[in-house]
PDB file of N, CA and C in Angstrom:
ATOM      1  N   MET A   1      25.549  55.674 -27.505  1.00  0.00           N
ATOM      2  CA  MET A   1      26.977  55.983 -28.366  1.00  0.00           C
ATOM      3  C   MET A   1      27.948  55.026 -27.535  1.00  0.00           C
ATOM      4  N   ARG A   2      28.835  54.173 -28.211  1.00  0.00           N
ATOM      5  CA  ARG A   2      29.792  53.388 -27.760  1.00  0.00           C
ATOM      6  C   ARG A   2      31.156  53.698 -28.130  1.00  0.00           C
ATOM      7  N   TYR A   3      31.913  52.924 -27.503  1.00  0.00           N
ATOM      8  CA  TYR A   3      33.384  53.524 -26.940  1.00  0.00           C
ATOM      9  C   TYR A   3      34.119  52.414 -27.416  1.00  0.00           C
ATOM     10  N   GLY A   4      34.486  51.925 -28.220  1.00  0.00           N
ATOM     11  CA  GLY A   4      35.239  50.760 -28.793  1.00  0.00           C
ATOM     12  C   GLY A   4      34.510  49.098 -28.974  1.00  0.00           C
ATOM     13  N   ASP A   5      35.193  48.420 -29.249  1.00  0.00           N
ATOM     14  CA  ASP A   5      34.633  46.883 -29.826  1.00  0.00           C
ATOM     15  C   ASP A   5      34.683  46.357 -28.608  1.00  0.00           C
ATOM     16  N   ARG A   6      33.750  45.853 -28.395  1.00  0.00           N
ATOM     17  CA  ARG A   6      33.224  44.518 -27.086  1.00  0.00           C
ATOM     18  C   ARG A   6      33.515  43.726 -27.457  1.00  0.00           C
ATOM     19  N   GLY A   7      33.834  43.507 -28.402  1.00  0.00           N
ATOM     20  CA  GLY A   7      34.790  41.829 -28.940  1.00  0.00           C
ATOM     21  C   GLY A   7      33.391  40.893 -29.049  1.00  0.00           C
ATOM     22  N   PRO A   8      33.452  39.468 -29.129  1.00  0.00           N
ATOM     23  CA  PRO A   8      32.621  39.087 -29.352  1.00  0.00           C
ATOM     24  C   PRO A   8      31.321  38.238 -28.155  1.00  0.00           C
ATOM     25  N   ILE A   9      30.557  38.134 -28.465  1.00  0.00           N
ATOM     26  CA  ILE A   9      29.275  38.290 -27.287  1.00  0.00           C
ATOM     27  C   ILE A   9      29.177  36.327 -27.040  1.00  0.00           C
ATOM     28  N   VAL A  10      29.720  36.178 -26.071  1.00  0.00           N
ATOM     29  CA  VAL A  10      29.685  34.681 -25.855  1.00  0.00           C
ATOM     30  C   VAL A  10      28.093  34.362 -24.797  1.00  0.00           C
ATOM     31  N   ARG A  11      27.542  33.343 -24.909  1.00  0.00           N
ATOM     32  CA  ARG A  11      26.099  33.321 -24.478  1.00  0.00           C
ATOM     33  C   ARG A  11      26.356  32.056 -23.660  1.00  0.00           C
ATOM     34  N   GLU A  12      25.956  31.999 -22.332  1.00  0.00           N
ATOM     35  CA  GLU A  12      25.793  30.838 -21.862  1.00  0.00           C
ATOM     36  C   GLU A  12      24.476  30.016 -21.592  1.00  0.00           C
ATOM     37  N   LEU A  13      24.807  28.478 -21.132  1.00  0.00           N
ATOM     38  CA  LEU A  13      23.586  28.053 -20.608  1.00  0.00           C
ATOM     39  C   LEU A  13      23.404  28.204 -19.294  1.00  0.00           C
ATOM     40  N   LEU A  14      22.272  29.235 -19.138  1.00  0.00           N
ATOM     41  CA  LEU A  14      21.767  29.324 -17.449  1.00  0.00           C
ATOM     42  C   LEU A  14      21.268  28.212 -16.872  1.00  0.00           C
ATOM     43  N   CYS A  15      20.430  27.688 -17.487  1.00  0.00           N
ATOM     44  CA  CYS A  15      19.264  26.525 -16.469  1.00  0.00           C
ATOM     45  C   CYS A  15      20.082  25.109 -17.443  1.00  0.00           C
ATOM     46  N   TRP A  16      19.307  24.297 -16.592  1.00  0.00           N
ATOM     47  CA  TRP A  16      20.078  22.974 -16.923  1.00  0.00           C
ATOM     48  C   TRP A  16      18.770  22.061 -16.728  1.00  0.00           C
ATOM     49  N   VAL A  17      18.086  21.497 -17.516  1.00  0.00           N
ATOM     50  CA  VAL A  17      17.001  20.525 -17.319  1.00  0.00           C
ATOM     51  C   VAL A  17      17.436  19.054 -17.565  1.00  0.00           C
ATOM     52  N   GLU A  18      16.811  18.716 -16.811  1.00  0.00           N
ATOM     53  CA  GLU A  18      16.704  17.371 -16.580  1.00  0.00           C
ATOM     54  C   GLU A  18      15.261  16.746 -16.423  1.00  0.00           C
ATOM     55  N   GLU A  19      14.927  15.644 -16.806  1.00  0.00           N
ATOM     56  CA  GLU A  19      13.318  14.969 -16.560  1.00  0.00           C
ATOM     57  C   GLU A  19      13.475  13.587 -15.565  1.00  0.00           C
ATOM     58  N   TYR A  20      13.004  13.559 -14.474  1.00  0.00           N
ATOM     59  CA  TYR A  20      13.055  12.093 -13.654  1.00  0.00           C
ATOM     60  C   TYR A  20      11.561  11.686 -13.954  1.00  0.00           C
ATOM     61  N   PRO A  21      11.259  10.687 -13.457  1.00  0.00           N
ATOM     62  CA  PRO A  21      10.354  10.260 -13.358  1.00  0.00           C
ATOM     63  C   PRO A  21       9.757  10.202 -11.658  1.00  0.00           C
ATOM     64  N   ILE A  22       8.389  10.952 -11.648  1.00  0.00           N
ATOM     65  CA  ILE A  22       7.857  10.632 -10.210  1.00  0.00           C
ATOM     66  C   ILE A  22       6.722   9.997  -9.959  1.00  0.00           C
ATOM     67  N   GLN A  23       6.784   9.864  -8.874  1.00  0.00           N
ATOM     68  CA  GLN A  23       5.282   9.346  -8.699  1.00  0.00           C
ATOM     69  C   GLN A  23       4.895   9.998  -7.923  1.00  0.00           C
ATOM     70  N   TRP A  24       3.761  10.397  -7.841  1.00  0.00           N
ATOM     71  CA  TRP A  24       2.958  11.546  -7.121  1.00  0.00           C
ATOM     72  C   TRP A  24       2.172  10.532  -5.967  1.00  0.00           C
ATOM     73  N   ARG A  25       1.578   9.049  -6.210  1.00  0.00           N
ATOM     74  CA  ARG A  25       1.040   8.832  -4.975  1.00  0.00           C
ATOM     75  C   ARG A  25       1.675   6.923  -4.911  1.00  0.00           C
ATOM     76  N   LYS A  26       1.673   6.624  -3.757  1.00  0.00           N
ATOM     77  CA  LYS A  26       1.773   5.160  -3.626  1.00  0.00           C
ATOM     78  C   LYS A  26       0.835   4.193  -4.161  1.00  0.00           C
ATOM     79  N   PRO A  27       0.643   3.478  -4.845  1.00  0.00           N
ATOM     80  CA  PRO A  27       0.211   2.245  -5.624  1.00  0.00           C
ATOM     81  C   PRO A  27      -0.296   2.200  -4.378  1.00  0.00           C
ATOM     82  N   GLY A  28      -1.690   1.695  -4.121  1.00  0.00           N
ATOM     83  CA  GLY A  28      -2.738   0.903  -3.076  1.00  0.00           C
ATOM     84  C   GLY A  28      -2.219  -0.665  -3.155  1.00  0.00           C
ATOM     85  N   PHE A  29      -2.592  -0.794  -1.940  1.00  0.00           N
ATOM     86  CA  PHE A  29      -1.703  -2.148  -1.395  1.00  0.00           C
ATOM     87  C   PHE A  29      -3.097  -2.988  -1.491  1.00  0.00           C
ATOM     88  N   ASP A  30      -2.479  -4.147  -1.793  1.00  0.00           N
ATOM     89  CA  ASP A  30      -3.954  -5.355  -2.273  1.00  0.00           C
ATOM     90  C   ASP A  30      -4.416  -5.893  -0.748  1.00  0.00           C
ATOM     91  N   LEU A  31      -5.504  -5.633  -0.194  1.00  0.00           N
ATOM     92  CA  LEU A  31      -5.803  -5.769   0.861  1.00  0.00           C
ATOM     93  C   LEU A  31      -6.082  -7.342   0.989  1.00  0.00           C
ATOM     94  N   ALA A  32      -7.224  -7.530   0.046  1.00  0.00           N
ATOM     95  CA  ALA A  32      -7.667  -8.616  -0.612  1.00  0.00           C
ATOM     96  C   ALA A  32      -6.925  -9.827  -0.693  1.00  0.00           C
ATOM     97  N   GLU A  33      -6.063  -9.554  -1.148  1.00  0.00           N
ATOM     98  CA  GLU A  33      -4.373 -10.747  -1.596  1.00  0.00           C
ATOM     99  C   GLU A  33      -3.835 -10.687  -0.376  1.00  0.00           C
ATOM    100  N   LEU A  34      -3.826  -9.878   0.760  1.00  0.00           N
ATOM    101  CA  LEU A  34      -3.045 -10.170   1.819  1.00  0.00           C
ATOM    102  C   LEU A  34      -3.986 -10.961   3.107  1.00  0.00           C
ATOM    103  N   ALA A  35      -5.582 -10.524   2.891  1.00  0.00           N
ATOM    104  CA  ALA A  35      -6.273 -11.029   3.754  1.00  0.00           C
ATOM    105  C   ALA A  35      -6.779 -12.814   3.068  1.00  0.00           C
ATOM    106  N   LYS A  36      -6.636 -12.778   2.501  1.00  0.00           N
ATOM    107  CA  LYS A  36      -6.543 -14.371   1.672  1.00  0.00           C
ATOM    108  C   LYS A  36      -5.186 -15.563   1.808  1.00  0.00           C
ATOM    109  N   LEU A  37      -4.200 -14.321   1.630  1.00  0.00           N
ATOM    110  CA  LEU A  37      -2.906 -15.424   2.144  1.00  0.00           C
ATOM    111  C   LEU A  37      -2.964 -15.514   3.560  1.00  0.00           C
ATOM    112  N   ARG A  38      -3.233 -14.417   4.527  1.00  0.00           N
ATOM    113  CA  ARG A  38      -3.018 -14.695   5.855  1.00  0.00           C
ATOM    114  C   ARG A  38      -4.067 -16.003   6.543  1.00  0.00           C
ATOM    115  N   TRP A  39      -5.286 -15.608   5.968  1.00  0.00           N
ATOM    116  CA  TRP A  39      -6.660 -16.144   6.792  1.00  0.00           C
ATOM    117  C   TRP A  39      -6.851 -17.340   6.090  1.00  0.00           C
ATOM    118  N   THR A  40      -6.782 -17.684   4.849  1.00  0.00           N
ATOM    119  CA  THR A  40      -7.148 -18.323   4.270  1.00  0.00           C
ATOM    120  C   THR A  40      -5.950 -19.517   3.534  1.00  0.00           C
ATOM    121  N   GLU A  41      -5.012 -19.184   3.531  1.00  0.00           N
ATOM    122  CA  GLU A  41      -3.525 -19.821   3.336  1.00  0.00           C
ATOM    123  C   GLU A  41      -2.754 -20.247   4.353  1.00  0.00           C
ATOM    124  N   GLY A  42      -2.873 -19.131   5.490  1.00  0.00           N
ATOM    125  CA  GLY A  42      -2.436 -19.418   6.665  1.00  0.00           C
ATOM    126  C   GLY A  42      -0.534 -18.849   6.736  1.00  0.00           C
ATOM    127  N   TYR A  43      -0.490 -17.739   5.541  1.00  0.00           N
ATOM    128  CA  TYR A  43       0.742 -17.123   5.869  1.00  0.00           C
ATOM    129  C   TYR A  43       0.955 -16.577   7.029  1.00  0.00           C
ATOM    130  N   SER A  44       2.536 -16.297   7.237  1.00  0.00           N
ATOM    131  CA  SER A  44       2.622 -15.942   8.835  1.00  0.00           C
ATOM    132  C   SER A  44       2.895 -14.642   8.922  1.00  0.00           C
ATOM    133  N   THR A  45       3.300 -13.990   9.558  1.00  0.00           N
ATOM    134  CA  THR A  45       3.477 -12.426   9.582  1.00  0.00           C
ATOM    135  C   THR A  45       4.941 -12.250   9.131  1.00  0.00           C
ATOM    136  N   GLU A  46       5.723 -13.069   9.231  1.00  0.00           N
ATOM    137  CA  GLU A  46       6.975 -12.959   8.938  1.00  0.00           C
ATOM    138  C   GLU A  46       7.053 -13.527   7.137  1.00  0.00           C
ATOM    139  N   THR A  47       6.078 -14.180   6.854  1.00  0.00           N
ATOM    140  CA  THR A  47       6.198 -14.430   5.239  1.00  0.00           C
ATOM    141  C   THR A  47       6.055 -13.342   4.396  1.00  0.00           C
ATOM    142  N   LEU A  48       4.337 -12.887   5.194  1.00  0.00           N
ATOM    143  CA  LEU A  48       4.005 -11.385   4.666  1.00  0.00           C
ATOM    144  C   LEU A  48       4.867 -10.808   4.635  1.00  0.00           C
ATOM    145  N   MET A  49       6.151 -10.363   5.406  1.00  0.00           N
ATOM    146  CA  MET A  49       6.629  -9.554   5.745  1.00  0.00           C
ATOM    147  C   MET A  49       8.059  -9.571   4.741  1.00  0.00           C
ATOM    148  N   ALA A  50       8.357 -11.075   4.141  1.00  0.00           N
ATOM    149  CA  ALA A  50       9.414 -11.024   3.400  1.00  0.00           C
ATOM    150  C   ALA A  50       8.816 -10.400   1.496  1.00  0.00           C
ATOM    151  N   ARG A  51       7.452 -11.410   1.748  1.00  0.00           N
ATOM    152  CA  ARG A  51       6.594 -11.267   0.198  1.00  0.00           C
ATOM    153  C   ARG A  51       6.518  -9.777   0.022  1.00  0.00           C
ATOM    154  N   TYR A  52       5.788  -8.709   0.912  1.00  0.00           N
ATOM    155  CA  TYR A  52       5.834  -7.453   0.176  1.00  0.00           C
ATOM    156  C   TYR A  52       6.698  -6.528   0.904  1.00  0.00           C
ATOM    157  N   GLY A  53       7.927  -6.908   1.602  1.00  0.00           N
ATOM    158  CA  GLY A  53       8.927  -6.033   1.829  1.00  0.00           C
ATOM    159  C   GLY A  53       8.543  -5.177   2.842  1.00  0.00           C
ATOM    160  N   LYS A  54       7.763  -5.122   3.408  1.00  0.00           N
ATOM    161  CA  LYS A  54       7.442  -4.303   4.607  1.00  0.00           C
ATOM    162  C   LYS A  54       7.829  -4.998   5.926  1.00  0.00           C
ATOM    163  N   THR A  55       7.702  -3.727   7.135  1.00  0.00           N
ATOM    164  CA  THR A  55       8.330  -4.469   8.479  1.00  0.00           C
ATOM    165  C   THR A  55       6.495  -4.690   9.079  1.00  0.00           C
ATOM    166  N   GLU A  56       6.765  -5.211  10.319  1.00  0.00           N
ATOM    167  CA  GLU A  56       5.670  -6.115  11.092  1.00  0.00           C
ATOM    168  C   GLU A  56       4.750  -5.056  11.066  1.00  0.00           C
ATOM    169  N   VAL A  57       5.390  -4.141  11.723  1.00  0.00           N
ATOM    170  CA  VAL A  57       4.309  -2.766  11.838  1.00  0.00           C
ATOM    171  C   VAL A  57       3.242  -2.811  10.803  1.00  0.00           C
ATOM    172  N   ALA A  58       4.150  -2.708   9.503  1.00  0.00           N
ATOM    173  CA  ALA A  58       2.608  -2.231   8.538  1.00  0.00           C
ATOM    174  C   ALA A  58       2.050  -3.454   8.043  1.00  0.00           C
ATOM    175  N   ILE A  59       2.859  -4.309   8.336  1.00  0.00           N
ATOM    176  CA  ILE A  59       1.667  -5.829   7.862  1.00  0.00           C
ATOM    177  C   ILE A  59       0.658  -5.722   9.222  1.00  0.00           C
ATOM    178  N   ARG A  60       0.915  -5.409  10.276  1.00  0.00           N
ATOM    179  CA  ARG A  60      -0.098  -5.756  11.578  1.00  0.00           C
ATOM    180  C   ARG A  60      -1.109  -4.238  10.974  1.00  0.00           C
ATOM    181  N   ASN A  61      -0.739  -3.288  10.695  1.00  0.00           N
ATOM    182  CA  ASN A  61      -1.584  -1.787  10.319  1.00  0.00           C
ATOM    183  C   ASN A  61      -2.193  -2.602   8.996  1.00  0.00           C
ATOM    184  N   TYR A  62      -1.677  -3.468   8.107  1.00  0.00           N
ATOM    185  CA  TYR A  62      -2.649  -3.936   7.223  1.00  0.00           C
ATOM    186  C   TYR A  62      -3.457  -4.292   7.908  1.00  0.00           C
ATOM    187  N   TYR A  63      -3.501  -5.482   8.164  1.00  0.00           N
ATOM    188  CA  TYR A  63      -4.542  -6.593   9.637  1.00  0.00           C
ATOM    189  C   TYR A  63      -5.683  -5.495   9.803  1.00  0.00           C
ATOM    190  N   ARG A  64      -5.286  -4.678  10.802  1.00  0.00           N
ATOM    191  CA  ARG A  64      -6.466  -3.731  11.237  1.00  0.00           C
ATOM    192  C   ARG A  64      -6.732  -3.163  10.214  1.00  0.00           C
ATOM    193  N   ARG A  65      -6.672  -2.807   9.298  1.00  0.00           N
ATOM    194  CA  ARG A  65      -7.857  -2.019   7.945  1.00  0.00           C
ATOM    195  C   ARG A  65      -8.179  -2.981   7.717  1.00  0.00           C
ATOM    196  N   ALA A  66      -7.919  -4.146   7.260  1.00  0.00           N
ATOM    197  CA  ALA A  66      -8.778  -5.006   6.859  1.00  0.00           C
ATOM    198  C   ALA A  66      -9.815  -5.762   7.568  1.00  0.00           C
ATOM    199  N   ARG A  67      -9.618  -5.849   8.927  1.00  0.00           N
ATOM    200  CA  ARG A  67     -10.707  -6.408   9.583  1.00  0.00           C
ATOM    201  C   ARG A  67     -11.564  -5.321  10.169  1.00  0.00           C
ATOM    202  N   LYS A  68     -11.383  -3.483  10.093  1.00  0.00           N
ATOM    203  CA  LYS A  68     -11.571  -2.847  10.425  1.00  0.00           C
ATOM    204  C   LYS A  68     -12.969  -2.515   9.417  1.00  0.00           C
ATOM    205  N   SER A  69     -12.457  -3.033   7.964  1.00  0.00           N
ATOM    206  CA  SER A  69     -13.396  -2.763   6.932  1.00  0.00           C
ATOM    207  C   SER A  69     -14.366  -3.994   6.883  1.00  0.00           C
ATOM    208  N   GLY A  70     -14.043  -5.194   7.855  1.00  0.00           N
ATOM    209  CA  GLY A  70     -14.907  -6.063   7.909  1.00  0.00           C
ATOM    210  C   GLY A  70     -14.859  -7.607   6.645  1.00  0.00           C
ATOM    211  N   PHE A  71     -13.920  -6.715   5.962  1.00  0.00           N
ATOM    212  CA  PHE A  71     -13.215  -7.702   4.543  1.00  0.00           C
ATOM    213  C   PHE A  71     -14.437  -7.924   3.414  1.00  0.00           C
ATOM    214  N   GLY A  72     -15.155  -6.317   3.701  1.00  0.00           N
ATOM    215  CA  GLY A  72     -15.895  -6.390   2.635  1.00  0.00           C
ATOM    216  C   GLY A  72     -15.298  -5.364   1.634  1.00  0.00           C
ATOM    217  N   PHE A  73     -14.281  -5.612   0.924  1.00  0.00           N
ATOM    218  CA  PHE A  73     -13.727  -4.621  -0.465  1.00  0.00           C
ATOM    219  C   PHE A  73     -13.381  -5.480  -1.503  1.00  0.00           C
ATOM    220  N   SER A  74     -13.695  -4.806  -2.366  1.00  0.00           N
ATOM    221  CA  SER A  74     -13.383  -5.399  -3.714  1.00  0.00           C
ATOM    222  C   SER A  74     -12.254  -6.399  -3.678  1.00  0.00           C
ATOM    223  N   GLY A  75     -12.309  -7.753  -4.267  1.00  0.00           N
ATOM    224  CA  GLY A  75     -11.163  -8.789  -4.558  1.00  0.00           C
ATOM    225  C   GLY A  75     -11.900  -9.702  -3.922  1.00  0.00           C
ATOM    226  N   ILE A  76     -12.508  -9.518  -2.796  1.00  0.00           N
ATOM    227  CA  ILE A  76     -12.723 -10.583  -1.957  1.00  0.00           C
ATOM    228  C   ILE A  76     -14.234 -11.133  -1.960  1.00  0.00           C
ATOM    229  N   ASN A  77     -14.482 -11.998  -2.720  1.00  0.00           N
ATOM    230  CA  ASN A  77     -16.222 -12.671  -2.836  1.00  0.00           C
ATOM    231  C   ASN A  77     -16.646 -12.707  -1.460  1.00  0.00           C
ATOM    232  N   GLY A  78     -18.005 -13.531  -1.432  1.00  0.00           N
ATOM    233  CA  GLY A  78     -18.671 -13.511  -0.098  1.00  0.00           C
ATOM    234  C   GLY A  78     -18.724 -14.892   0.409  1.00  0.00           C
ATOM    235  N   SER A  79     -18.109 -16.049  -0.160  1.00  0.00           N
ATOM    236  CA  SER A  79     -17.896 -17.158   0.229  1.00  0.00           C
ATOM    237  C   SER A  79     -16.326 -17.213   0.658  1.00  0.00           C
ATOM    238  N   GLU A  80     -15.313 -16.078   0.261  1.00  0.00           N
ATOM    239  CA  GLU A  80     -14.163 -15.937   0.646  1.00  0.00           C
ATOM    240  C   GLU A  80     -14.241 -15.132   2.097  1.00  0.00           C
ATOM    241  N   ARG A  81     -14.893 -14.532   1.855  1.00  0.00           N
ATOM    242  CA  ARG A  81     -14.983 -13.362   3.216  1.00  0.00           C
ATOM    243  C   ARG A  81     -15.458 -14.213   4.523  1.00  0.00           C
ATOM    244  N   LYS A  82     -16.651 -15.082   3.907  1.00  0.00           N
ATOM    245  CA  LYS A  82     -17.525 -15.945   5.216  1.00  0.00           C
ATOM    246  C   LYS A  82     -16.073 -16.947   5.544  1.00  0.00           C
ATOM    247  N   ALA A  83     -15.489 -17.674   4.778  1.00  0.00           N
ATOM    248  CA  ALA A  83     -14.250 -18.543   5.228  1.00  0.00           C
ATOM    249  C   ALA A  83     -12.939 -17.557   6.110  1.00  0.00           C
ATOM    250  N   ILE A  84     -12.833 -16.269   5.454  1.00  0.00           N
ATOM    251  CA  ILE A  84     -11.844 -15.525   6.383  1.00  0.00           C
ATOM    252  C   ILE A  84     -12.210 -15.328   7.987  1.00  0.00           C
ATOM    253  N   LEU A  85     -13.566 -14.788   8.068  1.00  0.00           N
ATOM    254  CA  LEU A  85     -14.182 -14.395   9.107  1.00  0.00           C
ATOM    255  C   LEU A  85     -14.471 -15.770  10.505  1.00  0.00           C
ATOM    256  N   LYS A  86     -14.659 -17.093   9.290  1.00  0.00           N
ATOM    257  CA  LYS A  86     -14.643 -18.533  10.152  1.00  0.00           C
ATOM    258  C   LYS A  86     -13.406 -18.815  10.770  1.00  0.00           C
ATOM    259  N   SER A  87     -12.205 -18.220  10.071  1.00  0.00           N
ATOM    260  CA  SER A  87     -10.679 -18.764  10.404  1.00  0.00           C
ATOM    261  C   SER A  87     -10.336 -17.381  11.901  1.00  0.00           C
ATOM    262  N   ILE A  88     -10.899 -16.779  11.817  1.00  0.00           N
ATOM    263  CA  ILE A  88     -10.433 -15.359  12.990  1.00  0.00           C
ATOM    264  C   ILE A  88     -11.373 -15.533  13.790  1.00  0.00           C
ATOM    265  N   GLN A  89     -12.559 -16.207  14.054  1.00  0.00           N
ATOM    266  CA  GLN A  89     -13.734 -15.928  14.733  1.00  0.00           C
ATOM    267  C   GLN A  89     -12.936 -16.319  16.165  1.00  0.00           C
ATOM    268  N   GLY A  90     -11.904 -17.653  16.256  1.00  0.00           N
ATOM    269  CA  GLY A  90     -11.651 -17.674  17.906  1.00  0.00           C
ATOM    270  C   GLY A  90     -10.559 -16.296  18.158  1.00  0.00           C
ATOM    271  N   ARG A  91      -9.954 -15.979  17.055  1.00  0.00           N
ATOM    272  CA  ARG A  91      -9.036 -14.934  17.512  1.00  0.00           C
ATOM    273  C   ARG A  91      -9.474 -13.619  17.169  1.00  0.00           C
ATOM    274  N   THR A  92     -10.334 -13.063  16.878  1.00  0.00           N
ATOM    275  CA  THR A  92     -11.380 -11.910  17.023  1.00  0.00           C
ATOM    276  C   THR A  92     -12.216 -11.478  18.040  1.00  0.00           C
ATOM    277  N   PRO A  93     -12.361 -10.222  18.804  1.00  0.00           N
ATOM    278  CA  PRO A  93     -13.209 -10.142  20.249  1.00  0.00           C
ATOM    279  C   PRO A  93     -14.436 -10.523  19.644  1.00  0.00           C
ATOM    280  N   GLU A  94     -15.376 -10.524  20.340  1.00  0.00           N
ATOM    281  CA  GLU A  94     -16.292 -10.775  19.897  1.00  0.00           C
ATOM    282  C   GLU A  94     -17.293  -9.214  19.368  1.00  0.00           C
ATOM    283  N   LEU A  95     -16.553  -8.130  19.976  1.00  0.00           N
ATOM    284  CA  LEU A  95     -17.492  -7.086  19.622  1.00  0.00           C
ATOM    285  C   LEU A  95     -16.675  -6.793  18.263  1.00  0.00           C
ATOM    286  N   PHE A  96     -16.185  -7.127  17.682  1.00  0.00           N
ATOM    287  CA  PHE A  96     -15.705  -7.161  16.011  1.00  0.00           C
ATOM    288  C   PHE A  96     -16.969  -7.559  15.201  1.00  0.00           C
ATOM    289  N   LEU A  97     -16.955  -9.420  15.711  1.00  0.00           N
ATOM    290  CA  LEU A  97     -17.776  -9.797  15.034  1.00  0.00           C
ATOM    291  C   LEU A  97     -19.702  -9.797  15.147  1.00  0.00           C
ATOM    292  N   ARG A  98     -19.756  -9.004  16.330  1.00  0.00           N
ATOM    293  CA  ARG A  98     -21.117  -8.280  16.191  1.00  0.00           C
ATOM    294  C   ARG A  98     -21.369  -7.126  15.713  1.00  0.00           C
ATOM    295  N   ASN A  99     -20.376  -6.410  15.167  1.00  0.00           N
ATOM    296  CA  ASN A  99     -20.692  -5.291  15.177  1.00  0.00           C
ATOM    297  C   ASN A  99     -20.182  -5.196  13.313  1.00  0.00           C
ATOM    298  N   LYS A 100     -19.587  -6.323  12.873  1.00  0.00           N
ATOM    299  CA  LYS A 100     -19.784  -6.610  11.419  1.00  0.00           C
ATOM    300  C   LYS A 100     -20.952  -7.562  11.069  1.00  0.00           C
ATOM    301  N   GLY A 101     -21.724  -7.968  11.825  1.00  0.00           N
ATOM    302  CA  GLY A 101     -22.575  -8.628  11.836  1.00  0.00           C
ATOM    303  C   GLY A 101     -22.365 -10.158  10.499  1.00  0.00           C
ATOM    304  N   ALA A 102     -21.291 -10.856  11.221  1.00  0.00           N
ATOM    305  CA  ALA A 102     -20.814 -12.207  11.230  1.00  0.00           C
ATOM    306  C   ALA A 102     -21.329 -13.490  12.094  1.00  0.00           C
TER     307      ALA A 102
END
């Protein structure tokens, strides 16, 4: 039972939808390019920091990751790997070279 007119019904938009692009995963860092630039082209850490927009700590962590893999990742062929290992041989502990079979 209704008592009187309730007037016009006004419906309001209760939600707002906007779409934003979301990147779920960071794109992979190209260790092969970094290794080539650092150890075959002779780029300094400071130059690589400016090129990639990364901090010194980040660049050194990439160096460490590249060394740990033995420079055996895609993007580096056998001759480039040998050139990189030869260029760092004097600056790399013997243990690393012995473990990686260089």
